[in-house]
Protein backbone atom coordinates (compact mmCIF):
# COMPACT_ATOMS: atom_id res chain seq x y z
CA UNK A 1 -20.44 3.69 -6.99
CA UNK A 2 -17.05 4.43 -8.52
CA UNK A 3 -13.98 6.31 -7.39
CA UNK A 4 -13.38 9.68 -9.00
CA UNK A 5 -9.86 9.84 -7.56
CA UNK A 6 -7.56 7.42 -5.73
CA UNK A 7 -4.33 8.57 -4.10
CA UNK A 8 -1.82 7.81 -1.37
CA UNK A 9 -1.53 10.27 1.51
CA UNK A 10 1.52 10.61 3.74
CA UNK A 11 2.78 7.22 2.42
CA UNK A 12 0.42 5.48 4.83
CA UNK A 13 -3.21 5.97 3.72
CA UNK A 14 -5.26 5.22 0.63
CA UNK A 15 -7.64 8.10 -0.09
CA UNK A 16 -10.70 7.59 -2.30
CA UNK A 17 -13.06 10.26 -3.54
CA UNK A 18 -16.32 8.57 -4.58
CA UNK A 19 -18.83 9.64 -7.21
CA UNK A 20 -21.53 9.77 -4.50
CA UNK A 21 -19.74 12.71 -2.88
CA UNK A 22 -18.18 10.75 -0.03
CA UNK A 23 -14.51 10.21 0.77
CA UNK A 24 -12.79 7.18 2.26
CA UNK A 25 -9.45 6.77 3.95
CA UNK A 26 -7.89 3.37 4.59
CA UNK A 27 -4.58 2.81 6.35
CA UNK A 28 -2.23 0.87 4.03
CA UNK A 29 -1.36 -1.65 6.76
CA UNK A 30 -5.08 -2.36 7.21
CA UNK A 31 -5.57 -2.61 3.44
CA UNK A 32 -2.73 -5.12 3.13
CA UNK A 33 -3.93 -7.09 6.15
CA UNK A 34 -7.29 -7.63 4.44
CA UNK A 35 -5.99 -8.31 0.93
CA UNK A 36 -8.78 -10.23 -0.82
CA UNK A 37 -6.56 -12.60 -2.84
CA UNK A 38 -6.92 -16.35 -2.32
CA UNK A 39 -3.51 -16.74 -0.67
CA UNK A 40 -4.04 -13.96 1.88
CA UNK A 41 -7.63 -15.04 2.58
CA UNK A 42 -6.45 -18.60 3.25
CA UNK A 43 -3.70 -17.37 5.57
CA UNK A 44 -6.22 -15.27 7.54
CA UNK A 45 -8.56 -18.25 7.88
CA UNK A 46 -5.79 -20.47 9.21
CA UNK A 47 -4.86 -17.98 11.97
CA UNK A 48 -6.65 -17.36 15.23
CA UNK A 49 -8.91 -14.32 15.58
CA UNK A 50 -6.31 -12.61 17.77
CA UNK A 51 -3.51 -12.97 15.16
CA UNK A 52 -1.95 -9.65 14.16
CA UNK A 53 0.34 -9.89 11.14
CA UNK A 54 3.63 -8.02 11.13
CA UNK A 55 4.64 -6.52 7.81
CA UNK A 56 8.03 -5.47 6.51
CA UNK A 57 8.18 -1.89 5.23
CA UNK A 58 7.96 -2.89 1.54
CA UNK A 59 4.85 -4.95 2.19
CA UNK A 60 2.82 -1.85 3.04
CA UNK A 61 4.19 0.51 0.41
CA UNK A 62 2.26 0.83 -2.81
CA UNK A 63 4.16 0.57 -6.07
CA UNK A 64 1.14 1.15 -8.32
CA UNK A 65 -2.65 1.20 -8.45
CA UNK A 66 -4.62 0.21 -11.52
CA UNK A 67 -8.30 0.12 -12.40
CA UNK A 68 -9.75 -3.36 -12.91
CA UNK A 69 -12.72 -3.09 -15.23
CA UNK A 70 -15.49 -0.89 -13.83
CA UNK A 71 -15.66 -2.66 -10.50
CA UNK A 72 -12.31 -2.70 -8.69
CA UNK A 73 -8.74 -1.56 -8.29
CA UNK A 74 -5.62 -3.68 -8.29
CA UNK A 75 -2.72 -2.78 -6.05
CA UNK A 76 0.87 -3.76 -6.65
CA UNK A 77 2.77 -3.58 -3.39
CA UNK A 78 6.51 -2.82 -3.32
CA UNK A 79 7.29 -6.41 -2.30
CA UNK A 80 5.74 -7.57 -5.61
CA UNK A 81 2.42 -8.86 -4.23
CA UNK A 82 -0.28 -7.95 -6.76
CA UNK A 83 -3.00 -10.61 -6.80
CA UNK A 84 -5.56 -8.81 -4.64
CA UNK A 85 -8.44 -7.22 -6.52
CA UNK A 86 -10.23 -4.74 -4.27
CA UNK A 87 -13.83 -4.39 -5.46
CA UNK A 88 -15.39 -0.99 -4.81
CA UNK A 89 -17.97 -2.19 -2.22
CA UNK A 90 -15.17 -4.03 -0.38
CA UNK A 91 -13.11 -0.81 -0.26
CA UNK A 92 -16.10 1.05 1.23
CA UNK A 93 -16.48 -1.74 3.80
CA UNK A 94 -12.78 -1.65 4.68
CA UNK A 95 -12.89 2.14 5.08
CA UNK A 96 -15.81 1.86 7.50
CA UNK A 97 -14.12 -1.01 9.37
CA UNK A 98 -10.78 0.81 9.52
CA UNK A 99 -12.44 3.89 10.99
CA UNK A 100 -14.23 1.78 13.59
CA UNK A 101 -10.95 0.32 14.93
C-alpha cells in the first residue's frame, strides 16, 4: 500500500490517493494532533483523555511533504515542526478515525 498522490485541499485537508484504488482525507488539525513523533506522543500521554489541544494557525499549515523511504511521508509544518514520520498504515488508520469523529 503506497500513495499515488498526496495533496492539500482547501488548506485544511490532506488528500491521499492510494495504489489500491481508495482515497483518504484527513483534516490537518487532526493530523497534527496525532503527530507520531516522540515529543508529541509523550505530550498526548501526559494529558487526560478529554484534553483537546489548541493550535496556532501556523501549526496546522503544511510547508512541505516529503516521501520517507517506501513506507512513510514526512511533514514539515509552517511552525517548523518536522519530526513526525507518518507511516502509510498509520495514515490509513488516521483517515478512518478522522471520518469516524
